[in-house]
Amino acid sequence: MKQNDTGLIGDISGALRLLTRLPMPASDRISGPRAAWAWPIAGAVIGGLAALLGLIALPLGAGVAAALVLGAQAMMTGAMHEDGLADTADGLWGGWEPARRLEIMKDSHIGTYGVMALLVVGLVRWSAIAALLTGGMWWGLIAVAMLSRAPMAVLMAVMPNARGKGLAQSVGQVPKAAACMAVLIGLAATAGLGWVGLWVVVAVAAVVVALALVAWAKIGGQTGDILGASQQLAEATGLAILAACL
């Protein structure tokens, strides 16, 4: 695999190419694992554009605006995180042994667990976004979008790849320094939320740790699907805490 040290701008560009479907300048450079520090920056772009759309659409009603925010986020990311959430739910709870669970997670079909995970997490995100837009806390959407992408770097840095192939494996082992930088950027994003930001960080950390422990016990590590699920669960948790504290 070809990896390039391209500097700060190159890392951010690589993070956007990896985590979004936004139009980017053509390049043969591949985002290496050390660029994982920039994943929260990609989250800022996704969250910022989605929040802007939500504010523009707010006169149509908070529910409609929140739905458009969710749709915009899915379009910008190619719904890769939602796909990971559904596959994770199907695999971790649909198989009786690690090999079978990994096989289910690789299957493109969606099962009952996956549908329920998308429904429940989607409803949590939708209702919380509607509340935040109504309460004028649009910055919270950006902060949580940034924070929720930091755990992906951490999981890749501390957990082995359970499958040995796939998108997560192709990116490579994320250095702990890059993961720490991603966390610091995520934490900095929550600083503007005041004391509520502390509760957001604690809640997100607890949810991600719980997911990591379950994944370790059931499949022996992380996969791209686990990473996607961590982002979705972290975002839903962070948004819910913010909405509850309005």
C-alpha atoms as a PDB file:
ATOM      1  CA  MET A   1       0.000   0.000   0.000  1.00  0.00           C
ATOM      2  CA  LYS A   2       1.323   3.440  -0.931  1.00  0.00           C
ATOM      3  CA  GLN A   3       1.415   5.981   1.859  1.00  0.00           C
ATOM      4  CA  ASN A   4       2.590   9.577   1.696  1.00  0.00           C
ATOM      5  CA  ASP A   5       3.531  12.148   4.271  1.00  0.00           C
ATOM      6  CA  THR A   6       1.786  15.180   2.804  1.00  0.00           C
ATOM      7  CA  GLY A   7       1.725  17.620   5.705  1.00  0.00           C
ATOM      8  CA  LEU A   8      -1.266  19.070   7.495  1.00  0.00           C
ATOM      9  CA  ILE A   9      -3.217  20.006   4.370  1.00  0.00           C
ATOM     10  CA  GLY A  10      -2.545  16.625   2.814  1.00  0.00           C
ATOM     11  CA  ASP A  11      -3.700  14.813   5.967  1.00  0.00           C
ATOM     12  CA  ILE A  12      -6.920  16.814   6.102  1.00  0.00           C
ATOM     13  CA  SER A  13      -7.532  16.240   2.398  1.00  0.00           C
ATOM     14  CA  GLY A  14      -6.884  12.531   2.880  1.00  0.00           C
ATOM     15  CA  ALA A  15      -9.287  12.399   5.829  1.00  0.00           C
ATOM     16  CA  LEU A  16     -12.002  14.012   3.719  1.00  0.00           C
ATOM     17  CA  ARG A  17     -11.398  11.572   0.864  1.00  0.00           C
ATOM     18  CA  LEU A  18     -11.560   8.617   3.248  1.00  0.00           C
ATOM     19  CA  LEU A  19     -14.553   9.635   5.363  1.00  0.00           C
ATOM     20  CA  THR A  20     -16.682  11.627   2.919  1.00  0.00           C
ATOM     21  CA  ARG A  21     -17.979  11.636  -0.630  1.00  0.00           C
ATOM     22  CA  LEU A  22     -17.382  15.357  -0.994  1.00  0.00           C
ATOM     23  CA  PRO A  23     -15.728  16.414  -4.257  1.00  0.00           C
ATOM     24  CA  MET A  24     -11.983  16.673  -3.695  1.00  0.00           C
ATOM     25  CA  PRO A  25      -9.077  17.451  -6.018  1.00  0.00           C
ATOM     26  CA  ALA A  26      -7.933  14.346  -7.880  1.00  0.00           C
ATOM     27  CA  SER A  27      -4.962  12.695  -6.201  1.00  0.00           C
ATOM     28  CA  ASP A  28      -3.211   9.345  -6.198  1.00  0.00           C
ATOM     29  CA  ARG A  29      -2.143   9.859  -2.614  1.00  0.00           C
ATOM     30  CA  ILE A  30      -3.560   7.475  -0.034  1.00  0.00           C
ATOM     31  CA  SER A  31      -4.436   8.691   3.436  1.00  0.00           C
ATOM     32  CA  GLY A  32      -2.032   6.901   5.754  1.00  0.00           C
ATOM     33  CA  PRO A  33      -2.738   5.919   9.349  1.00  0.00           C
ATOM     34  CA  ARG A  34      -0.899   8.943  10.722  1.00  0.00           C
ATOM     35  CA  ALA A  35      -3.560  11.147   9.102  1.00  0.00           C
ATOM     36  CA  ALA A  36      -6.140   9.785  11.555  1.00  0.00           C
ATOM     37  CA  TRP A  37      -5.594  12.861  13.708  1.00  0.00           C
ATOM     38  CA  ALA A  38      -7.527  14.805  11.047  1.00  0.00           C
ATOM     39  CA  TRP A  39     -10.681  12.670  11.211  1.00  0.00           C
ATOM     40  CA  PRO A  40     -12.358  15.121  13.636  1.00  0.00           C
ATOM     41  CA  ILE A  41     -11.553  17.879  11.117  1.00  0.00           C
ATOM     42  CA  ALA A  42     -13.506  15.929   8.513  1.00  0.00           C
ATOM     43  CA  GLY A  43     -16.269  15.740  11.117  1.00  0.00           C
ATOM     44  CA  ALA A  44     -16.212  19.529  11.421  1.00  0.00           C
ATOM     45  CA  VAL A  45     -16.816  19.873   7.680  1.00  0.00           C
ATOM     46  CA  ILE A  46     -19.638  17.329   7.724  1.00  0.00           C
ATOM     47  CA  GLY A  47     -21.231  18.773  10.851  1.00  0.00           C
ATOM     48  CA  GLY A  48     -20.816  22.358   9.697  1.00  0.00           C
ATOM     49  CA  LEU A  49     -22.456  21.850   6.320  1.00  0.00           C
ATOM     50  CA  ALA A  50     -25.269  19.807   7.864  1.00  0.00           C
ATOM     51  CA  ALA A  51     -25.856  22.396  10.608  1.00  0.00           C
ATOM     52  CA  LEU A  52     -25.998  25.174   7.999  1.00  0.00           C
ATOM     53  CA  LEU A  53     -28.639  23.258   6.072  1.00  0.00           C
ATOM     54  CA  GLY A  54     -30.565  22.693   9.286  1.00  0.00           C
ATOM     55  CA  LEU A  55     -30.586  26.404  10.095  1.00  0.00           C
ATOM     56  CA  ILE A  56     -31.740  27.280   6.587  1.00  0.00           C
ATOM     57  CA  ALA A  57     -34.527  24.694   6.746  1.00  0.00           C
ATOM     58  CA  LEU A  58     -35.600  25.528  10.316  1.00  0.00           C
ATOM     59  CA  PRO A  59     -38.559  27.683   9.161  1.00  0.00           C
ATOM     60  CA  LEU A  60     -40.039  24.480   7.718  1.00  0.00           C
ATOM     61  CA  GLY A  61     -40.174  23.034  11.230  1.00  0.00           C
ATOM     62  CA  ALA A  62     -37.597  21.511  13.557  1.00  0.00           C
ATOM     63  CA  GLY A  63     -38.555  17.953  12.594  1.00  0.00           C
ATOM     64  CA  VAL A  64     -38.119  18.598   8.884  1.00  0.00           C
ATOM     65  CA  ALA A  65     -34.848  20.439   9.460  1.00  0.00           C
ATOM     66  CA  ALA A  66     -33.498  17.593  11.592  1.00  0.00           C
ATOM     67  CA  ALA A  67     -34.453  15.052   8.939  1.00  0.00           C
ATOM     68  CA  LEU A  68     -32.623  17.090   6.304  1.00  0.00           C
ATOM     69  CA  VAL A  69     -29.558  17.248   8.568  1.00  0.00           C
ATOM     70  CA  LEU A  70     -29.528  13.455   8.862  1.00  0.00           C
ATOM     71  CA  GLY A  71     -29.999  13.074   5.126  1.00  0.00           C
ATOM     72  CA  ALA A  72     -27.198  15.517   4.363  1.00  0.00           C
ATOM     73  CA  GLN A  73     -24.806  13.744   6.703  1.00  0.00           C
ATOM     74  CA  ALA A  74     -25.593  10.390   5.110  1.00  0.00           C
ATOM     75  CA  MET A  75     -25.082  11.787   1.610  1.00  0.00           C
ATOM     76  CA  MET A  76     -21.776  13.412   2.542  1.00  0.00           C
ATOM     77  CA  THR A  77     -20.407  10.217   4.088  1.00  0.00           C
ATOM     78  CA  GLY A  78     -22.007   7.729   1.719  1.00  0.00           C
ATOM     79  CA  ALA A  79     -23.845   6.411   4.814  1.00  0.00           C
ATOM     80  CA  MET A  80     -20.686   4.443   5.626  1.00  0.00           C
ATOM     81  CA  HIS A  81     -21.127   4.876   9.373  1.00  0.00           C
ATOM     82  CA  GLU A  82     -24.794   3.905   9.274  1.00  0.00           C
ATOM     83  CA  ASP A  83     -23.833   0.821   7.271  1.00  0.00           C
ATOM     84  CA  GLY A  84     -21.268  -0.056   9.920  1.00  0.00           C
ATOM     85  CA  LEU A  85     -23.838   0.313  12.682  1.00  0.00           C
ATOM     86  CA  ALA A  86     -26.292  -2.011  10.941  1.00  0.00           C
ATOM     87  CA  ASP A  87     -23.633  -4.627  10.144  1.00  0.00           C
ATOM     88  CA  THR A  88     -22.292  -4.482  13.694  1.00  0.00           C
ATOM     89  CA  ALA A  89     -25.715  -5.045  15.224  1.00  0.00           C
ATOM     90  CA  ASP A  90     -26.445  -7.943  12.868  1.00  0.00           C
ATOM     91  CA  GLY A  91     -23.056  -9.561  13.339  1.00  0.00           C
ATOM     92  CA  LEU A  92     -22.466  -9.208  17.062  1.00  0.00           C
ATOM     93  CA  TRP A  93     -25.950 -10.448  17.949  1.00  0.00           C
ATOM     94  CA  GLY A  94     -26.738 -12.652  14.988  1.00  0.00           C
ATOM     95  CA  GLY A  95     -23.925 -15.192  15.225  1.00  0.00           C
ATOM     96  CA  TRP A  96     -22.855 -17.765  17.782  1.00  0.00           C
ATOM     97  CA  GLU A  97     -19.102 -17.736  17.162  1.00  0.00           C
ATOM     98  CA  PRO A  98     -16.546 -15.137  16.002  1.00  0.00           C
ATOM     99  CA  ALA A  99     -16.141 -16.510  12.471  1.00  0.00           C
ATOM    100  CA  ARG A 100     -19.879 -16.546  11.875  1.00  0.00           C
ATOM    101  CA  ARG A 101     -20.277 -13.054  13.331  1.00  0.00           C
ATOM    102  CA  LEU A 102     -17.612 -11.698  10.988  1.00  0.00           C
ATOM    103  CA  GLU A 103     -19.288 -13.474   8.082  1.00  0.00           C
ATOM    104  CA  ILE A 104     -22.618 -11.837   8.903  1.00  0.00           C
ATOM    105  CA  MET A 105     -20.989  -8.430   9.228  1.00  0.00           C
ATOM    106  CA  LYS A 106     -19.485  -8.826   5.752  1.00  0.00           C
ATOM    107  CA  ASP A 107     -22.842  -9.766   4.217  1.00  0.00           C
ATOM    108  CA  SER A 108     -24.416  -6.857   2.336  1.00  0.00           C
ATOM    109  CA  HIS A 109     -27.922  -7.871   3.425  1.00  0.00           C
ATOM    110  CA  ILE A 110     -29.434  -6.243   6.504  1.00  0.00           C
ATOM    111  CA  GLY A 111     -31.181  -8.194   9.238  1.00  0.00           C
ATOM    112  CA  THR A 112     -33.596  -7.433  12.043  1.00  0.00           C
ATOM    113  CA  TYR A 113     -30.899  -6.317  14.470  1.00  0.00           C
ATOM    114  CA  GLY A 114     -29.478  -3.955  11.893  1.00  0.00           C
ATOM    115  CA  VAL A 115     -32.865  -2.437  11.095  1.00  0.00           C
ATOM    116  CA  MET A 116     -33.623  -1.913  14.774  1.00  0.00           C
ATOM    117  CA  ALA A 117     -30.210  -0.349  15.399  1.00  0.00           C
ATOM    118  CA  LEU A 118     -30.672   2.121  12.540  1.00  0.00           C
ATOM    119  CA  LEU A 119     -34.211   2.907  13.673  1.00  0.00           C
ATOM    120  CA  VAL A 120     -33.412   3.488  17.340  1.00  0.00           C
ATOM    121  CA  VAL A 121     -30.149   5.367  16.830  1.00  0.00           C
ATOM    122  CA  GLY A 122     -31.670   7.367  13.973  1.00  0.00           C
ATOM    123  CA  LEU A 123     -34.633   8.396  16.096  1.00  0.00           C
ATOM    124  CA  VAL A 124     -32.341   9.466  18.937  1.00  0.00           C
ATOM    125  CA  ARG A 125     -30.245  11.561  16.568  1.00  0.00           C
ATOM    126  CA  TRP A 126     -33.299  13.062  14.840  1.00  0.00           C
ATOM    127  CA  SER A 127     -35.083  14.073  18.042  1.00  0.00           C
ATOM    128  CA  ALA A 128     -31.915  15.481  19.607  1.00  0.00           C
ATOM    129  CA  ILE A 129     -31.009  17.470  16.476  1.00  0.00           C
ATOM    130  CA  ALA A 130     -34.528  18.923  16.331  1.00  0.00           C
ATOM    131  CA  ALA A 131     -34.218  20.026  19.953  1.00  0.00           C
ATOM    132  CA  LEU A 132     -30.773  21.556  19.416  1.00  0.00           C
ATOM    133  CA  LEU A 133     -31.868  23.492  16.338  1.00  0.00           C
ATOM    134  CA  THR A 134     -34.933  24.781  18.167  1.00  0.00           C
ATOM    135  CA  GLY A 135     -32.777  25.791  21.128  1.00  0.00           C
ATOM    136  CA  GLY A 136     -30.260  27.592  18.933  1.00  0.00           C
ATOM    137  CA  MET A 137     -27.446  25.228  19.901  1.00  0.00           C
ATOM    138  CA  TRP A 138     -26.271  24.590  16.333  1.00  0.00           C
ATOM    139  CA  TRP A 139     -22.607  24.568  17.394  1.00  0.00           C
ATOM    140  CA  GLY A 140     -23.371  21.381  19.287  1.00  0.00           C
ATOM    141  CA  LEU A 141     -23.960  19.558  15.984  1.00  0.00           C
ATOM    142  CA  ILE A 142     -20.455  20.453  14.827  1.00  0.00           C
ATOM    143  CA  ALA A 143     -18.790  19.690  18.155  1.00  0.00           C
ATOM    144  CA  VAL A 144     -20.387  16.259  18.402  1.00  0.00           C
ATOM    145  CA  ALA A 145     -19.601  15.497  14.752  1.00  0.00           C
ATOM    146  CA  MET A 146     -15.949  16.179  15.542  1.00  0.00           C
ATOM    147  CA  LEU A 147     -15.852  14.336  18.858  1.00  0.00           C
ATOM    148  CA  SER A 148     -17.643  11.260  17.489  1.00  0.00           C
ATOM    149  CA  ARG A 149     -14.896  10.625  14.922  1.00  0.00           C
ATOM    150  CA  ALA A 150     -12.048  10.605  17.442  1.00  0.00           C
ATOM    151  CA  PRO A 151     -12.969   7.175  18.921  1.00  0.00           C
ATOM    152  CA  MET A 152     -12.445   5.562  15.513  1.00  0.00           C
ATOM    153  CA  ALA A 153      -8.778   6.522  15.644  1.00  0.00           C
ATOM    154  CA  VAL A 154      -8.477   5.320  19.244  1.00  0.00           C
ATOM    155  CA  LEU A 155     -10.041   1.938  18.503  1.00  0.00           C
ATOM    156  CA  MET A 156      -7.709   1.436  15.537  1.00  0.00           C
ATOM    157  CA  ALA A 157      -4.724   2.342  17.700  1.00  0.00           C
ATOM    158  CA  VAL A 158      -5.457   0.037  20.641  1.00  0.00           C
ATOM    159  CA  MET A 159      -7.399  -2.889  19.151  1.00  0.00           C
ATOM    160  CA  PRO A 160      -6.254  -5.468  16.585  1.00  0.00           C
ATOM    161  CA  ASN A 161      -8.147  -5.861  13.344  1.00  0.00           C
ATOM    162  CA  ALA A 162     -10.426  -8.857  13.774  1.00  0.00           C
ATOM    163  CA  ARG A 163     -10.761  -9.634  10.083  1.00  0.00           C
ATOM    164  CA  GLY A 164      -7.297  -9.006   8.704  1.00  0.00           C
ATOM    165  CA  LYS A 165      -8.705  -7.256   5.629  1.00  0.00           C
ATOM    166  CA  GLY A 166     -11.171  -4.579   4.620  1.00  0.00           C
ATOM    167  CA  LEU A 167     -11.163  -0.783   4.794  1.00  0.00           C
ATOM    168  CA  ALA A 168      -9.957  -0.566   8.390  1.00  0.00           C
ATOM    169  CA  GLN A 169      -7.087  -2.957   7.673  1.00  0.00           C
ATOM    170  CA  SER A 170      -6.132  -1.114   4.477  1.00  0.00           C
ATOM    171  CA  VAL A 171      -5.719   2.166   6.372  1.00  0.00           C
ATOM    172  CA  GLY A 172      -3.202   0.483   8.685  1.00  0.00           C
ATOM    173  CA  GLN A 173      -2.376   0.663  12.372  1.00  0.00           C
ATOM    174  CA  VAL A 174      -3.049   4.157  13.670  1.00  0.00           C
ATOM    175  CA  PRO A 175      -0.141   5.472  15.770  1.00  0.00           C
ATOM    176  CA  LYS A 176      -1.084   6.278  19.332  1.00  0.00           C
ATOM    177  CA  ALA A 177       0.201   9.840  18.861  1.00  0.00           C
ATOM    178  CA  ALA A 178      -2.260  10.379  15.989  1.00  0.00           C
ATOM    179  CA  ALA A 179      -5.085   8.905  18.060  1.00  0.00           C
ATOM    180  CA  CYS A 180      -4.220  11.180  20.991  1.00  0.00           C
ATOM    181  CA  MET A 181      -4.215  14.209  18.694  1.00  0.00           C
ATOM    182  CA  ALA A 182      -7.646  13.216  17.341  1.00  0.00           C
ATOM    183  CA  VAL A 183      -8.937  13.004  20.911  1.00  0.00           C
ATOM    184  CA  LEU A 184      -7.465  16.404  21.796  1.00  0.00           C
ATOM    185  CA  ILE A 185      -9.137  17.993  18.771  1.00  0.00           C
ATOM    186  CA  GLY A 186     -12.419  16.351  19.717  1.00  0.00           C
ATOM    187  CA  LEU A 187     -12.095  17.596  23.282  1.00  0.00           C
ATOM    188  CA  ALA A 188     -11.260  21.096  22.073  1.00  0.00           C
ATOM    189  CA  ALA A 189     -14.460  21.079  20.026  1.00  0.00           C
ATOM    190  CA  THR A 190     -16.512  20.443  23.160  1.00  0.00           C
ATOM    191  CA  ALA A 191     -14.847  23.267  25.096  1.00  0.00           C
ATOM    192  CA  GLY A 192     -17.325  25.752  23.647  1.00  0.00           C
ATOM    193  CA  LEU A 193     -20.203  23.770  25.140  1.00  0.00           C
ATOM    194  CA  GLY A 194     -19.262  24.741  28.701  1.00  0.00           C
ATOM    195  CA  TRP A 195     -19.763  22.296  31.548  1.00  0.00           C
ATOM    196  CA  VAL A 196     -22.198  20.294  29.438  1.00  0.00           C
ATOM    197  CA  GLY A 197     -19.259  19.353  27.234  1.00  0.00           C
ATOM    198  CA  LEU A 198     -17.758  17.401  30.118  1.00  0.00           C
ATOM    199  CA  TRP A 199     -20.868  15.244  30.415  1.00  0.00           C
ATOM    200  CA  VAL A 200     -20.850  14.713  26.673  1.00  0.00           C
ATOM    201  CA  VAL A 201     -17.246  13.496  26.752  1.00  0.00           C
ATOM    202  CA  VAL A 202     -17.867  11.171  29.701  1.00  0.00           C
ATOM    203  CA  ALA A 203     -20.996   9.676  28.146  1.00  0.00           C
ATOM    204  CA  VAL A 204     -19.376   9.200  24.738  1.00  0.00           C
ATOM    205  CA  ALA A 205     -16.318   7.571  26.315  1.00  0.00           C
ATOM    206  CA  ALA A 206     -18.502   5.164  28.295  1.00  0.00           C
ATOM    207  CA  VAL A 207     -20.499   4.109  25.222  1.00  0.00           C
ATOM    208  CA  VAL A 208     -17.398   3.590  23.081  1.00  0.00           C
ATOM    209  CA  VAL A 209     -15.637   1.595  25.789  1.00  0.00           C
ATOM    210  CA  ALA A 210     -18.711  -0.606  26.146  1.00  0.00           C
ATOM    211  CA  LEU A 211     -18.780  -1.207  22.383  1.00  0.00           C
ATOM    212  CA  ALA A 212     -15.063  -2.004  22.364  1.00  0.00           C
ATOM    213  CA  LEU A 213     -15.437  -4.537  25.170  1.00  0.00           C
ATOM    214  CA  VAL A 214     -18.326  -6.266  23.414  1.00  0.00           C
ATOM    215  CA  ALA A 215     -16.446  -6.331  20.104  1.00  0.00           C
ATOM    216  CA  TRP A 216     -13.334  -7.730  21.770  1.00  0.00           C
ATOM    217  CA  ALA A 217     -15.335 -10.450  23.486  1.00  0.00           C
ATOM    218  CA  LYS A 218     -17.369 -11.418  20.422  1.00  0.00           C
ATOM    219  CA  ILE A 219     -14.954 -11.050  17.477  1.00  0.00           C
ATOM    220  CA  GLY A 220     -11.546 -10.410  19.050  1.00  0.00           C
ATOM    221  CA  GLY A 221     -10.995  -6.851  17.833  1.00  0.00           C
ATOM    222  CA  GLN A 222     -12.270  -4.095  15.596  1.00  0.00           C
ATOM    223  CA  THR A 223     -13.383  -3.892  11.986  1.00  0.00           C
ATOM    224  CA  GLY A 224     -14.517  -1.057   9.752  1.00  0.00           C
ATOM    225  CA  ASP A 225     -18.084  -1.842  10.811  1.00  0.00           C
ATOM    226  CA  ILE A 226     -17.178  -1.514  14.487  1.00  0.00           C
ATOM    227  CA  LEU A 227     -15.563   1.839  13.749  1.00  0.00           C
ATOM    228  CA  GLY A 228     -18.686   3.038  11.943  1.00  0.00           C
ATOM    229  CA  ALA A 229     -20.855   1.872  14.820  1.00  0.00           C
ATOM    230  CA  SER A 230     -18.637   3.730  17.291  1.00  0.00           C
ATOM    231  CA  GLN A 231     -19.175   6.961  15.377  1.00  0.00           C
ATOM    232  CA  GLN A 232     -22.943   6.540  15.229  1.00  0.00           C
ATOM    233  CA  LEU A 233     -23.292   5.588  18.879  1.00  0.00           C
ATOM    234  CA  ALA A 234     -20.957   8.370  19.986  1.00  0.00           C
ATOM    235  CA  GLU A 235     -22.866  10.945  17.944  1.00  0.00           C
ATOM    236  CA  ALA A 236     -26.267   9.782  19.184  1.00  0.00           C
ATOM    237  CA  THR A 237     -25.028   9.828  22.785  1.00  0.00           C
ATOM    238  CA  GLY A 238     -23.446  13.258  22.510  1.00  0.00           C
ATOM    239  CA  LEU A 239     -26.475  14.811  20.849  1.00  0.00           C
ATOM    240  CA  ALA A 240     -28.828  13.258  23.402  1.00  0.00           C
ATOM    241  CA  ILE A 241     -26.819  14.635  26.331  1.00  0.00           C
ATOM    242  CA  LEU A 242     -26.788  18.114  24.795  1.00  0.00           C
ATOM    243  CA  ALA A 243     -30.526  18.012  24.133  1.00  0.00           C
ATOM    244  CA  ALA A 244     -31.211  16.858  27.686  1.00  0.00           C
ATOM    245  CA  CYS A 245     -29.222  19.767  29.098  1.00  0.00           C
ATOM    246  CA  LEU A 246     -30.963  22.516  27.107  1.00  0.00           C
END
